[in-house]
PDB file of N, CA and C in Angstrom:
ATOM      1  N   ASP A   1       0.819  -1.206   0.000  1.00  0.00           N
ATOM      2  CA  ASP A   1       0.000   0.000   0.000  1.00  0.00           C
ATOM      3  C   ASP A   1       0.858   1.263   0.000  1.00  0.00           C
ATOM      4  N   ASP A   2       1.968   1.200   0.728  1.00  0.00           N
ATOM      5  CA  ASP A   2       2.819   2.391   0.796  1.00  0.00           C
ATOM      6  C   ASP A   2       3.399   2.761  -0.562  1.00  0.00           C
ATOM      7  N   MET A   3       3.705   1.770  -1.385  1.00  0.00           N
ATOM      8  CA  MET A   3       4.243   2.062  -2.714  1.00  0.00           C
ATOM      9  C   MET A   3       3.209   2.768  -3.584  1.00  0.00           C
ATOM     10  N   ASN A   4       1.942   2.505  -3.326  1.00  0.00           N
ATOM     11  CA  ASN A   4       0.904   3.181  -4.097  1.00  0.00           C
ATOM     12  C   ASN A   4       0.885   4.680  -3.806  1.00  0.00           C
ATOM     13  N   GLU A   5       1.341   5.075  -2.616  1.00  0.00           N
ATOM     14  CA  GLU A   5       1.482   6.497  -2.313  1.00  0.00           C
ATOM     15  C   GLU A   5       2.558   7.116  -3.204  1.00  0.00           C
ATOM     16  N   VAL A   6       3.618   6.364  -3.429  1.00  0.00           N
ATOM     17  CA  VAL A   6       4.682   6.841  -4.320  1.00  0.00           C
ATOM     18  C   VAL A   6       4.130   6.995  -5.729  1.00  0.00           C
ATOM     19  N   LEU A   7       3.329   6.032  -6.152  1.00  0.00           N
ATOM     20  CA  LEU A   7       2.746   6.078  -7.498  1.00  0.00           C
ATOM     21  C   LEU A   7       1.750   7.214  -7.668  1.00  0.00           C
ATOM     22  N   SER A   8       1.258   7.752  -6.563  1.00  0.00           N
ATOM     23  CA  SER A   8       0.279   8.831  -6.661  1.00  0.00           C
ATOM     24  C   SER A   8       0.908  10.157  -7.071  1.00  0.00           C
ATOM     25  N   VAL A   9       2.232  10.227  -7.110  1.00  0.00           N
ATOM     26  CA  VAL A   9       2.909  11.429  -7.592  1.00  0.00           C
ATOM     27  C   VAL A   9       2.649  11.516  -9.093  1.00  0.00           C
ATOM     28  N   GLU A  10       2.038  12.602  -9.518  1.00  0.00           N
ATOM     29  CA  GLU A  10       1.626  12.775 -10.917  1.00  0.00           C
ATOM     30  C   GLU A  10       2.663  13.571 -11.703  1.00  0.00           C
ATOM     31  N   ARG A  11       3.115  13.001 -12.794  1.00  0.00           N
ATOM     32  CA  ARG A  11       4.079  13.664 -13.665  1.00  0.00           C
ATOM     33  C   ARG A  11       3.544  15.021 -14.133  1.00  0.00           C
ATOM     34  N   SER A  12       2.266  15.102 -14.407  1.00  0.00           N
ATOM     35  CA  SER A  12       1.667  16.334 -14.942  1.00  0.00           C
ATOM     36  C   SER A  12       1.678  17.493 -13.938  1.00  0.00           C
ATOM     37  N   ASP A  13       1.948  17.205 -12.670  1.00  0.00           N
ATOM     38  CA  ASP A  13       1.990  18.250 -11.652  1.00  0.00           C
ATOM     39  C   ASP A  13       3.331  18.995 -11.621  1.00  0.00           C
ATOM     40  N   TYR A  14       4.291  18.566 -12.446  1.00  0.00           N
ATOM     41  CA  TYR A  14       5.633  19.134 -12.395  1.00  0.00           C
ATOM     42  C   TYR A  14       6.033  19.675 -13.759  1.00  0.00           C
ATOM     43  N   ALA A  15       6.755  20.771 -13.745  1.00  0.00           N
ATOM     44  CA  ALA A  15       7.146  21.447 -14.983  1.00  0.00           C
ATOM     45  C   ALA A  15       8.230  20.682 -15.745  1.00  0.00           C
ATOM     46  N   THR A  16       9.096  19.988 -15.012  1.00  0.00           N
ATOM     47  CA  THR A  16      10.192  19.276 -15.668  1.00  0.00           C
ATOM     48  C   THR A  16      10.253  17.833 -15.172  1.00  0.00           C
ATOM     49  N   GLU A  17      10.932  17.027 -15.942  1.00  0.00           N
ATOM     50  CA  GLU A  17      11.140  15.621 -15.564  1.00  0.00           C
ATOM     51  C   GLU A  17      11.972  15.533 -14.286  1.00  0.00           C
ATOM     52  N   ASP A  18      12.954  16.407 -14.144  1.00  0.00           N
ATOM     53  CA  ASP A  18      13.786  16.409 -12.937  1.00  0.00           C
ATOM     54  C   ASP A  18      12.961  16.698 -11.688  1.00  0.00           C
ATOM     55  N   GLU A  19      12.032  17.650 -11.796  1.00  0.00           N
ATOM     56  CA  GLU A  19      11.165  17.955 -10.652  1.00  0.00           C
ATOM     57  C   GLU A  19      10.285  16.754 -10.309  1.00  0.00           C
ATOM     58  N   TYR A  20       9.763  16.101 -11.335  1.00  0.00           N
ATOM     59  CA  TYR A  20       8.925  14.919 -11.124  1.00  0.00           C
ATOM     60  C   TYR A  20       9.717  13.804 -10.442  1.00  0.00           C
ATOM     61  N   ILE A  21      10.897  13.499 -10.965  1.00  0.00           N
ATOM     62  CA  ILE A  21      11.718  12.438 -10.375  1.00  0.00           C
ATOM     63  C   ILE A  21      12.125  12.820  -8.948  1.00  0.00           C
ATOM     64  N   GLY A  22      12.385  14.082  -8.712  1.00  0.00           N
ATOM     65  CA  GLY A  22      12.693  14.536  -7.353  1.00  0.00           C
ATOM     66  C   GLY A  22      11.540  14.286  -6.395  1.00  0.00           C
ATOM     67  N   ALA A  23      10.322  14.538  -6.857  1.00  0.00           N
ATOM     68  CA  ALA A  23       9.139  14.305  -6.015  1.00  0.00           C
ATOM     69  C   ALA A  23       8.925  12.817  -5.774  1.00  0.00           C
ATOM     70  N   VAL A  24       9.154  11.992  -6.806  1.00  0.00           N
ATOM     71  CA  VAL A  24       9.044  10.543  -6.633  1.00  0.00           C
ATOM     72  C   VAL A  24      10.108  10.068  -5.641  1.00  0.00           C
ATOM     73  N   SER A  25      11.323  10.581  -5.770  1.00  0.00           N
ATOM     74  CA  SER A  25      12.413  10.218  -4.851  1.00  0.00           C
ATOM     75  C   SER A  25      12.060  10.565  -3.415  1.00  0.00           C
ATOM     76  N   GLU A  26      11.515  11.747  -3.225  1.00  0.00           N
ATOM     77  CA  GLU A  26      11.141  12.197  -1.884  1.00  0.00           C
ATOM     78  C   GLU A  26      10.037  11.302  -1.293  1.00  0.00           C
ATOM     79  N   ALA A  27       9.034  11.000  -2.107  1.00  0.00           N
ATOM     80  CA  ALA A  27       7.947  10.133  -1.642  1.00  0.00           C
ATOM     81  C   ALA A  27       8.465   8.725  -1.341  1.00  0.00           C
ATOM     82  N   LEU A  28       9.338   8.217  -2.201  1.00  0.00           N
ATOM     83  CA  LEU A  28       9.898   6.887  -2.002  1.00  0.00           C
ATOM     84  C   LEU A  28      10.759   6.839  -0.751  1.00  0.00           C
ATOM     85  N   ASP A  29      11.605   7.836  -0.567  1.00  0.00           N
ATOM     86  CA  ASP A  29      12.452   7.887   0.623  1.00  0.00           C
ATOM     87  C   ASP A  29      11.606   7.917   1.894  1.00  0.00           C
ATOM     88  N   GLY A  30      10.564   8.740   1.906  1.00  0.00           N
ATOM     89  CA  GLY A  30       9.688   8.814   3.074  1.00  0.00           C
ATOM     90  C   GLY A  30       8.996   7.492   3.352  1.00  0.00           C
ATOM     91  N   THR A  31       8.516   6.852   2.307  1.00  0.00           N
ATOM     92  CA  THR A  31       7.838   5.560   2.454  1.00  0.00           C
ATOM     93  C   THR A  31       8.791   4.511   2.999  1.00  0.00           C
ATOM     94  N   LEU A  32       9.997   4.459   2.448  1.00  0.00           N
ATOM     95  CA  LEU A  32      10.969   3.475   2.923  1.00  0.00           C
ATOM     96  C   LEU A  32      11.364   3.730   4.373  1.00  0.00           C
ATOM     97  N   ARG A  33      11.601   4.994   4.710  1.00  0.00           N
ATOM     98  CA  ARG A  33      11.978   5.328   6.090  1.00  0.00           C
ATOM     99  C   ARG A  33      10.864   4.969   7.076  1.00  0.00           C
ATOM    100  N   GLU A  34       9.617   5.190   6.676  1.00  0.00           N
ATOM    101  CA  GLU A  34       8.492   4.815   7.544  1.00  0.00           C
ATOM    102  C   GLU A  34       8.459   3.312   7.801  1.00  0.00           C
ATOM    103  N   ASN A  35       9.066   2.548   6.908  1.00  0.00           N
ATOM    104  CA  ASN A  35       9.111   1.099   7.051  1.00  0.00           C
ATOM    105  C   ASN A  35      10.483   0.599   7.513  1.00  0.00           C
ATOM    106  N   GLY A  36      11.284   1.517   8.065  1.00  0.00           N
ATOM    107  CA  GLY A  36      12.560   1.149   8.660  1.00  0.00           C
ATOM    108  C   GLY A  36      13.677   0.894   7.670  1.00  0.00           C
ATOM    109  N   ILE A  37      13.561   1.416   6.445  1.00  0.00           N
ATOM    110  CA  ILE A  37      14.582   1.202   5.426  1.00  0.00           C
ATOM    111  C   ILE A  37      15.203   2.549   5.065  1.00  0.00           C
ATOM    112  N   THR A  38      16.514   2.663   5.234  1.00  0.00           N
ATOM    113  CA  THR A  38      17.230   3.879   4.876  1.00  0.00           C
ATOM    114  C   THR A  38      18.232   3.533   3.787  1.00  0.00           C
ATOM    115  N   LEU A  39      18.124   4.219   2.659  1.00  0.00           N
ATOM    116  CA  LEU A  39      19.010   3.976   1.529  1.00  0.00           C
ATOM    117  C   LEU A  39      19.721   5.257   1.138  1.00  0.00           C
ATOM    118  N   ASP A  40      20.854   5.103   0.512  1.00  0.00           N
ATOM    119  CA  ASP A  40      21.608   6.224  -0.008  1.00  0.00           C
ATOM    120  C   ASP A  40      20.784   6.946  -1.076  1.00  0.00           C
ATOM    121  N   GLY A  41      20.958   8.242  -1.166  1.00  0.00           N
ATOM    122  CA  GLY A  41      20.215   9.048  -2.131  1.00  0.00           C
ATOM    123  C   GLY A  41      20.377   8.598  -3.574  1.00  0.00           C
ATOM    124  N   GLU A  42      21.568   8.120  -3.943  1.00  0.00           N
ATOM    125  CA  GLU A  42      21.787   7.636  -5.309  1.00  0.00           C
ATOM    126  C   GLU A  42      20.885   6.456  -5.627  1.00  0.00           C
ATOM    127  N   ILE A  43      20.736   5.563  -4.669  1.00  0.00           N
ATOM    128  CA  ILE A  43      19.877   4.391  -4.877  1.00  0.00           C
ATOM    129  C   ILE A  43      18.429   4.826  -4.964  1.00  0.00           C
ATOM    130  N   ILE A  44      18.018   5.711  -4.072  1.00  0.00           N
ATOM    131  CA  ILE A  44      16.646   6.226  -4.093  1.00  0.00           C
ATOM    132  C   ILE A  44      16.354   6.871  -5.454  1.00  0.00           C
ATOM    133  N   ASN A  45      17.262   7.695  -5.929  1.00  0.00           N
ATOM    134  CA  ASN A  45      17.061   8.363  -7.220  1.00  0.00           C
ATOM    135  C   ASN A  45      17.001   7.364  -8.360  1.00  0.00           C
ATOM    136  N   SER A  46      17.835   6.357  -8.304  1.00  0.00           N
ATOM    137  CA  SER A  46      17.833   5.336  -9.347  1.00  0.00           C
ATOM    138  C   SER A  46      16.505   4.586  -9.373  1.00  0.00           C
ATOM    139  N   ILE A  47      16.006   4.226  -8.206  1.00  0.00           N
ATOM    140  CA  ILE A  47      14.720   3.532  -8.128  1.00  0.00           C
ATOM    141  C   ILE A  47      13.597   4.465  -8.583  1.00  0.00           C
ATOM    142  N   ALA A  48      13.668   5.735  -8.194  1.00  0.00           N
ATOM    143  CA  ALA A  48      12.646   6.708  -8.589  1.00  0.00           C
ATOM    144  C   ALA A  48      12.600   6.857 -10.107  1.00  0.00           C
ATOM    145  N   GLU A  49      13.755   6.889 -10.750  1.00  0.00           N
ATOM    146  CA  GLU A  49      13.788   6.976 -12.212  1.00  0.00           C
ATOM    147  C   GLU A  49      13.152   5.736 -12.829  1.00  0.00           C
ATOM    148  N   TYR A  50      13.454   4.586 -12.267  1.00  0.00           N
ATOM    149  CA  TYR A  50      12.872   3.335 -12.767  1.00  0.00           C
ATOM    150  C   TYR A  50      11.354   3.345 -12.598  1.00  0.00           C
ATOM    151  N   ILE A  51      10.887   3.777 -11.432  1.00  0.00           N
ATOM    152  CA  ILE A  51       9.445   3.854 -11.188  1.00  0.00           C
ATOM    153  C   ILE A  51       8.810   4.832 -12.181  1.00  0.00           C
ATOM    154  N   GLY A  52       9.455   5.977 -12.392  1.00  0.00           N
ATOM    155  CA  GLY A  52       8.934   6.951 -13.347  1.00  0.00           C
ATOM    156  C   GLY A  52       8.852   6.402 -14.761  1.00  0.00           C
ATOM    157  N   ASP A  53       9.856   5.629 -15.138  1.00  0.00           N
ATOM    158  CA  ASP A  53       9.881   5.047 -16.484  1.00  0.00           C
ATOM    159  C   ASP A  53       8.888   3.900 -16.647  1.00  0.00           C
ATOM    160  N   GLU A  54       8.766   3.072 -15.631  1.00  0.00           N
ATOM    161  CA  GLU A  54       8.001   1.836 -15.765  1.00  0.00           C
ATOM    162  C   GLU A  54       6.576   1.888 -15.208  1.00  0.00           C
ATOM    163  N   TYR A  55       6.334   2.729 -14.204  1.00  0.00           N
ATOM    164  CA  TYR A  55       5.066   2.632 -13.479  1.00  0.00           C
ATOM    165  C   TYR A  55       4.296   3.942 -13.327  1.00  0.00           C
ATOM    166  N   SER A  56       4.732   4.993 -13.994  1.00  0.00           N
ATOM    167  CA  SER A  56       4.065   6.288 -13.797  1.00  0.00           C
ATOM    168  C   SER A  56       2.636   6.311 -14.318  1.00  0.00           C
ATOM    169  N   ASP A  57       2.288   5.364 -15.169  1.00  0.00           N
ATOM    170  CA  ASP A  57       0.952   5.370 -15.748  1.00  0.00           C
ATOM    171  C   ASP A  57      -0.032   4.441 -15.038  1.00  0.00           C
ATOM    172  N   ILE A  58       0.375   3.878 -13.896  1.00  0.00           N
ATOM    173  CA  ILE A  58      -0.544   3.003 -13.156  1.00  0.00           C
ATOM    174  C   ILE A  58      -0.914   3.645 -11.822  1.00  0.00           C
ATOM    175  N   ASP A  59      -2.079   3.255 -11.314  1.00  0.00           N
ATOM    176  CA  ASP A  59      -2.549   3.799 -10.043  1.00  0.00           C
ATOM    177  C   ASP A  59      -2.241   2.888  -8.867  1.00  0.00           C
ATOM    178  N   GLU A  60      -2.143   1.591  -9.143  1.00  0.00           N
ATOM    179  CA  GLU A  60      -1.911   0.635  -8.068  1.00  0.00           C
ATOM    180  C   GLU A  60      -0.959  -0.444  -8.560  1.00  0.00           C
ATOM    181  N   MET A  61       0.042  -0.723  -7.749  1.00  0.00           N
ATOM    182  CA  MET A  61       1.059  -1.686  -8.120  1.00  0.00           C
ATOM    183  C   MET A  61       0.615  -3.099  -7.738  1.00  0.00           C
ATOM    184  N   THR A  62       0.729  -4.023  -8.693  1.00  0.00           N
ATOM    185  CA  THR A  62       0.419  -5.427  -8.405  1.00  0.00           C
ATOM    186  C   THR A  62       1.600  -6.056  -7.676  1.00  0.00           C
ATOM    187  N   ASP A  63       1.385  -7.243  -7.129  1.00  0.00           N
ATOM    188  CA  ASP A  63       2.475  -7.956  -6.466  1.00  0.00           C
ATOM    189  C   ASP A  63       3.612  -8.224  -7.442  1.00  0.00           C
ATOM    190  N   GLU A  64       3.279  -8.590  -8.669  1.00  0.00           N
ATOM    191  CA  GLU A  64       4.311  -8.862  -9.672  1.00  0.00           C
ATOM    192  C   GLU A  64       5.125  -7.609  -9.978  1.00  0.00           C
ATOM    193  N   GLN A  65       4.455  -6.481 -10.110  1.00  0.00           N
ATOM    194  CA  GLN A  65       5.155  -5.229 -10.377  1.00  0.00           C
ATOM    195  C   GLN A  65       6.022  -4.825  -9.187  1.00  0.00           C
ATOM    196  N   PHE A  66       5.520  -5.040  -7.988  1.00  0.00           N
ATOM    197  CA  PHE A  66       6.296  -4.725  -6.793  1.00  0.00           C
ATOM    198  C   PHE A  66       7.554  -5.590  -6.745  1.00  0.00           C
ATOM    199  N   ASN A  67       7.408  -6.878  -7.057  1.00  0.00           N
ATOM    200  CA  ASN A  67       8.570  -7.775  -7.080  1.00  0.00           C
ATOM    201  C   ASN A  67       9.577  -7.327  -8.129  1.00  0.00           C
ATOM    202  N   ASP A  68       9.093  -6.886  -9.291  1.00  0.00           N
ATOM    203  CA  ASP A  68       9.970  -6.373 -10.331  1.00  0.00           C
ATOM    204  C   ASP A  68      10.743  -5.162  -9.833  1.00  0.00           C
ATOM    205  N   MET A  69      10.052  -4.263  -9.140  1.00  0.00           N
ATOM    206  CA  MET A  69      10.699  -3.077  -8.591  1.00  0.00           C
ATOM    207  C   MET A  69      11.760  -3.479  -7.570  1.00  0.00           C
ATOM    208  N   LEU A  70      11.461  -4.474  -6.726  1.00  0.00           N
ATOM    209  CA  LEU A  70      12.444  -4.934  -5.741  1.00  0.00           C
ATOM    210  C   LEU A  70      13.670  -5.528  -6.418  1.00  0.00           C
ATOM    211  N   LEU A  71      13.463  -6.272  -7.489  1.00  0.00           N
ATOM    212  CA  LEU A  71      14.603  -6.824  -8.227  1.00  0.00           C
ATOM    213  C   LEU A  71      15.433  -5.701  -8.835  1.00  0.00           C
ATOM    214  N   TYR A  72      14.771  -4.657  -9.295  1.00  0.00           N
ATOM    215  CA  TYR A  72      15.503  -3.523  -9.820  1.00  0.00           C
ATOM    216  C   TYR A  72      16.295  -2.848  -8.705  1.00  0.00           C
ATOM    217  N   TYR A  73      15.678  -2.720  -7.540  1.00  0.00           N
ATOM    218  CA  TYR A  73      16.376  -2.139  -6.397  1.00  0.00           C
ATOM    219  C   TYR A  73      17.624  -2.955  -6.096  1.00  0.00           C
ATOM    220  N   TYR A  74      17.519  -4.270  -6.131  1.00  0.00           N
ATOM    221  CA  TYR A  74      18.661  -5.136  -5.850  1.00  0.00           C
ATOM    222  C   TYR A  74      19.770  -4.860  -6.861  1.00  0.00           C
ATOM    223  N   ASP A  75      19.411  -4.734  -8.128  1.00  0.00           N
ATOM    224  CA  ASP A  75      20.397  -4.416  -9.155  1.00  0.00           C
ATOM    225  C   ASP A  75      21.048  -3.063  -8.878  1.00  0.00           C
ATOM    226  N   ALA A  76      20.249  -2.082  -8.508  1.00  0.00           N
ATOM    227  CA  ALA A  76      20.774  -0.753  -8.205  1.00  0.00           C
ATOM    228  C   ALA A  76      21.692  -0.805  -6.992  1.00  0.00           C
ATOM    229  N   TYR A  77      21.327  -1.589  -5.995  1.00  0.00           N
ATOM    230  CA  TYR A  77      22.145  -1.731  -4.794  1.00  0.00           C
ATOM    231  C   TYR A  77      23.492  -2.363  -5.144  1.00  0.00           C
ATOM    232  N   LEU A  78      23.476  -3.426  -5.957  1.00  0.00           N
ATOM    233  CA  LEU A  78      24.721  -4.083  -6.352  1.00  0.00           C
ATOM    234  C   LEU A  78      25.612  -3.117  -7.131  1.00  0.00           C
ATOM    235  N   GLU A  79      25.010  -2.300  -7.980  1.00  0.00           N
ATOM    236  CA  GLU A  79      25.760  -1.301  -8.735  1.00  0.00           C
ATOM    237  C   GLU A  79      26.388  -0.298  -7.791  1.00  0.00           C
ATOM    238  N   TYR A  80      25.666   0.079  -6.758  1.00  0.00           N
ATOM    239  CA  TYR A  80      26.124   1.086  -5.805  1.00  0.00           C
ATOM    240  C   TYR A  80      27.309   0.586  -4.984  1.00  0.00           C
ATOM    241  N   ILE A  81      27.268  -0.681  -4.560  1.00  0.00           N
ATOM    242  CA  ILE A  81      28.331  -1.173  -3.686  1.00  0.00           C
ATOM    243  C   ILE A  81      29.575  -1.602  -4.454  1.00  0.00           C
ATOM    244  N   ASN A  82      29.471  -1.733  -5.759  1.00  0.00           N
ATOM    245  CA  ASN A  82      30.657  -2.152  -6.549  1.00  0.00           C
ATOM    246  C   ASN A  82      31.425  -0.994  -7.068  1.00  0.00           C
TER     247      ASN A  82
END
């Protein structure tokens, strides 16, 4: 349910793509922190860009889509630590 709050950020509410991704990043960071997860800003931004590219046109994330996002996060995390 918390990820659906992140998805509620509307691209049309922002003048630029950077502003939109920034808002998604902020919402994602807040959601993760509320659930006891703290990630580096680079990882948050990377996931936010992925969400913007892949899921900005949906209102509610399915379990399969959520799992896909988690796998992407894992890839982003591995990239970050290497």
